[in-house]
């Protein structure tokens, strides 16, 4: 299984008309997915770019699919 979890906390303070307001936001996310057979979780790599996570999980060579040509009729 692979679990991806994250949280976001944001605080914003605004001053207007002699009063100050404070807004707080908080969110938590957690997702778990079942990994396919033949995957190698010990070799997993993850990156985060522009708020988007990307997980790369190699599979064993015997578990990789094969390419076939499809002919349209």
C-alpha atoms as a PDB file:
ATOM      1  CA  UNK A   1       0.000   0.000   0.000  1.00  0.00           C
ATOM      2  CA  UNK A   2       1.010   3.588  -0.599  1.00  0.00           C
ATOM      3  CA  UNK A   3      -0.249   6.389   1.637  1.00  0.00           C
ATOM      4  CA  UNK A   4       0.062  10.041   0.662  1.00  0.00           C
ATOM      5  CA  UNK A   5      -0.724  12.568   3.386  1.00  0.00           C
ATOM      6  CA  UNK A   6      -0.448  16.309   3.654  1.00  0.00           C
ATOM      7  CA  UNK A   7      -1.796  19.297   5.482  1.00  0.00           C
ATOM      8  CA  UNK A   8      -2.181  22.965   4.796  1.00  0.00           C
ATOM      9  CA  UNK A   9      -2.338  25.781   7.311  1.00  0.00           C
ATOM     10  CA  UNK A  10      -2.912  29.373   6.274  1.00  0.00           C
ATOM     11  CA  UNK A  11      -3.342  32.512   8.351  1.00  0.00           C
ATOM     12  CA  UNK A  12      -4.303  35.923   6.990  1.00  0.00           C
ATOM     13  CA  UNK A  13      -4.569  39.153   8.928  1.00  0.00           C
ATOM     14  CA  UNK A  14      -6.255  42.235   7.482  1.00  0.00           C
ATOM     15  CA  UNK A  15      -6.622  45.725   8.888  1.00  0.00           C
ATOM     16  CA  UNK A  16      -9.497  47.842   7.636  1.00  0.00           C
ATOM     17  CA  UNK A  17     -11.606  50.698   9.068  1.00  0.00           C
ATOM     18  CA  UNK A  18      -9.682  50.687  12.337  1.00  0.00           C
ATOM     19  CA  UNK A  19     -10.436  46.991  12.953  1.00  0.00           C
ATOM     20  CA  UNK A  20      -8.256  43.942  12.430  1.00  0.00           C
ATOM     21  CA  UNK A  21      -9.591  40.598  11.255  1.00  0.00           C
ATOM     22  CA  UNK A  22      -7.781  37.280  11.367  1.00  0.00           C
ATOM     23  CA  UNK A  23      -8.737  34.359   9.117  1.00  0.00           C
ATOM     24  CA  UNK A  24      -7.310  30.890   9.706  1.00  0.00           C
ATOM     25  CA  UNK A  25      -7.675  27.931   7.377  1.00  0.00           C
ATOM     26  CA  UNK A  26      -6.550  24.394   7.955  1.00  0.00           C
ATOM     27  CA  UNK A  27      -6.947  21.263   5.854  1.00  0.00           C
ATOM     28  CA  UNK A  28      -5.663  17.708   6.003  1.00  0.00           C
ATOM     29  CA  UNK A  29      -5.617  15.089   3.239  1.00  0.00           C
ATOM     30  CA  UNK A  30      -4.734  11.424   3.316  1.00  0.00           C
ATOM     31  CA  UNK A  31      -5.133   8.861   0.532  1.00  0.00           C
ATOM     32  CA  UNK A  32      -4.111   5.208   0.505  1.00  0.00           C
ATOM     33  CA  UNK A  33      -3.905   3.107  -2.654  1.00  0.00           C
ATOM     34  CA  UNK A  34      -3.125  -0.553  -3.146  1.00  0.00           C
ATOM     35  CA  UNK A  35       0.054  -1.109  -5.165  1.00  0.00           C
ATOM     36  CA  UNK A  36       0.045  -3.540  -8.087  1.00  0.00           C
ATOM     37  CA  UNK A  37       1.875  -6.838  -7.771  1.00  0.00           C
ATOM     38  CA  UNK A  38       5.493  -6.705  -8.864  1.00  0.00           C
ATOM     39  CA  UNK A  39       6.040  -3.130  -7.706  1.00  0.00           C
ATOM     40  CA  UNK A  40       9.134  -2.252  -5.693  1.00  0.00           C
ATOM     41  CA  UNK A  41       8.072   0.171  -2.922  1.00  0.00           C
ATOM     42  CA  UNK A  42      11.633   0.349  -1.580  1.00  0.00           C
ATOM     43  CA  UNK A  43      12.672   2.175  -4.762  1.00  0.00           C
ATOM     44  CA  UNK A  44       9.848   4.726  -4.765  1.00  0.00           C
ATOM     45  CA  UNK A  45      10.654   8.392  -5.350  1.00  0.00           C
ATOM     46  CA  UNK A  46       8.421  11.417  -4.802  1.00  0.00           C
ATOM     47  CA  UNK A  47       8.613  15.059  -5.859  1.00  0.00           C
ATOM     48  CA  UNK A  48       6.418  18.085  -5.257  1.00  0.00           C
ATOM     49  CA  UNK A  49       6.241  20.795  -7.938  1.00  0.00           C
ATOM     50  CA  UNK A  50       3.773  23.694  -7.886  1.00  0.00           C
ATOM     51  CA  UNK A  51       1.720  21.939  -5.231  1.00  0.00           C
ATOM     52  CA  UNK A  52       1.334  18.742  -7.290  1.00  0.00           C
ATOM     53  CA  UNK A  53       2.871  15.533  -5.889  1.00  0.00           C
ATOM     54  CA  UNK A  54       4.362  12.982  -8.279  1.00  0.00           C
ATOM     55  CA  UNK A  55       5.252   9.475  -7.116  1.00  0.00           C
ATOM     56  CA  UNK A  56       7.420   7.229  -9.290  1.00  0.00           C
ATOM     57  CA  UNK A  57       7.277   3.556  -8.417  1.00  0.00           C
ATOM     58  CA  UNK A  58       9.374   1.139 -10.490  1.00  0.00           C
ATOM     59  CA  UNK A  59       8.104  -2.362 -11.195  1.00  0.00           C
ATOM     60  CA  UNK A  60      10.136  -5.534 -11.461  1.00  0.00           C
ATOM     61  CA  UNK A  61      11.225  -6.348 -15.022  1.00  0.00           C
ATOM     62  CA  UNK A  62       9.124  -9.533 -15.088  1.00  0.00           C
ATOM     63  CA  UNK A  63       6.019  -7.517 -14.115  1.00  0.00           C
ATOM     64  CA  UNK A  64       6.291  -4.904 -16.865  1.00  0.00           C
ATOM     65  CA  UNK A  65       3.702  -5.030 -19.599  1.00  0.00           C
ATOM     66  CA  UNK A  66       4.433  -5.635 -23.219  1.00  0.00           C
ATOM     67  CA  UNK A  67       3.544  -3.488 -26.211  1.00  0.00           C
ATOM     68  CA  UNK A  68       1.207  -4.872 -28.863  1.00  0.00           C
ATOM     69  CA  UNK A  69       0.057  -3.323 -32.132  1.00  0.00           C
ATOM     70  CA  UNK A  70      -3.666  -2.788 -32.597  1.00  0.00           C
ATOM     71  CA  UNK A  71      -4.989  -2.846 -36.148  1.00  0.00           C
ATOM     72  CA  UNK A  72      -8.179  -0.886 -36.868  1.00  0.00           C
ATOM     73  CA  UNK A  73     -10.597  -2.469 -39.341  1.00  0.00           C
END
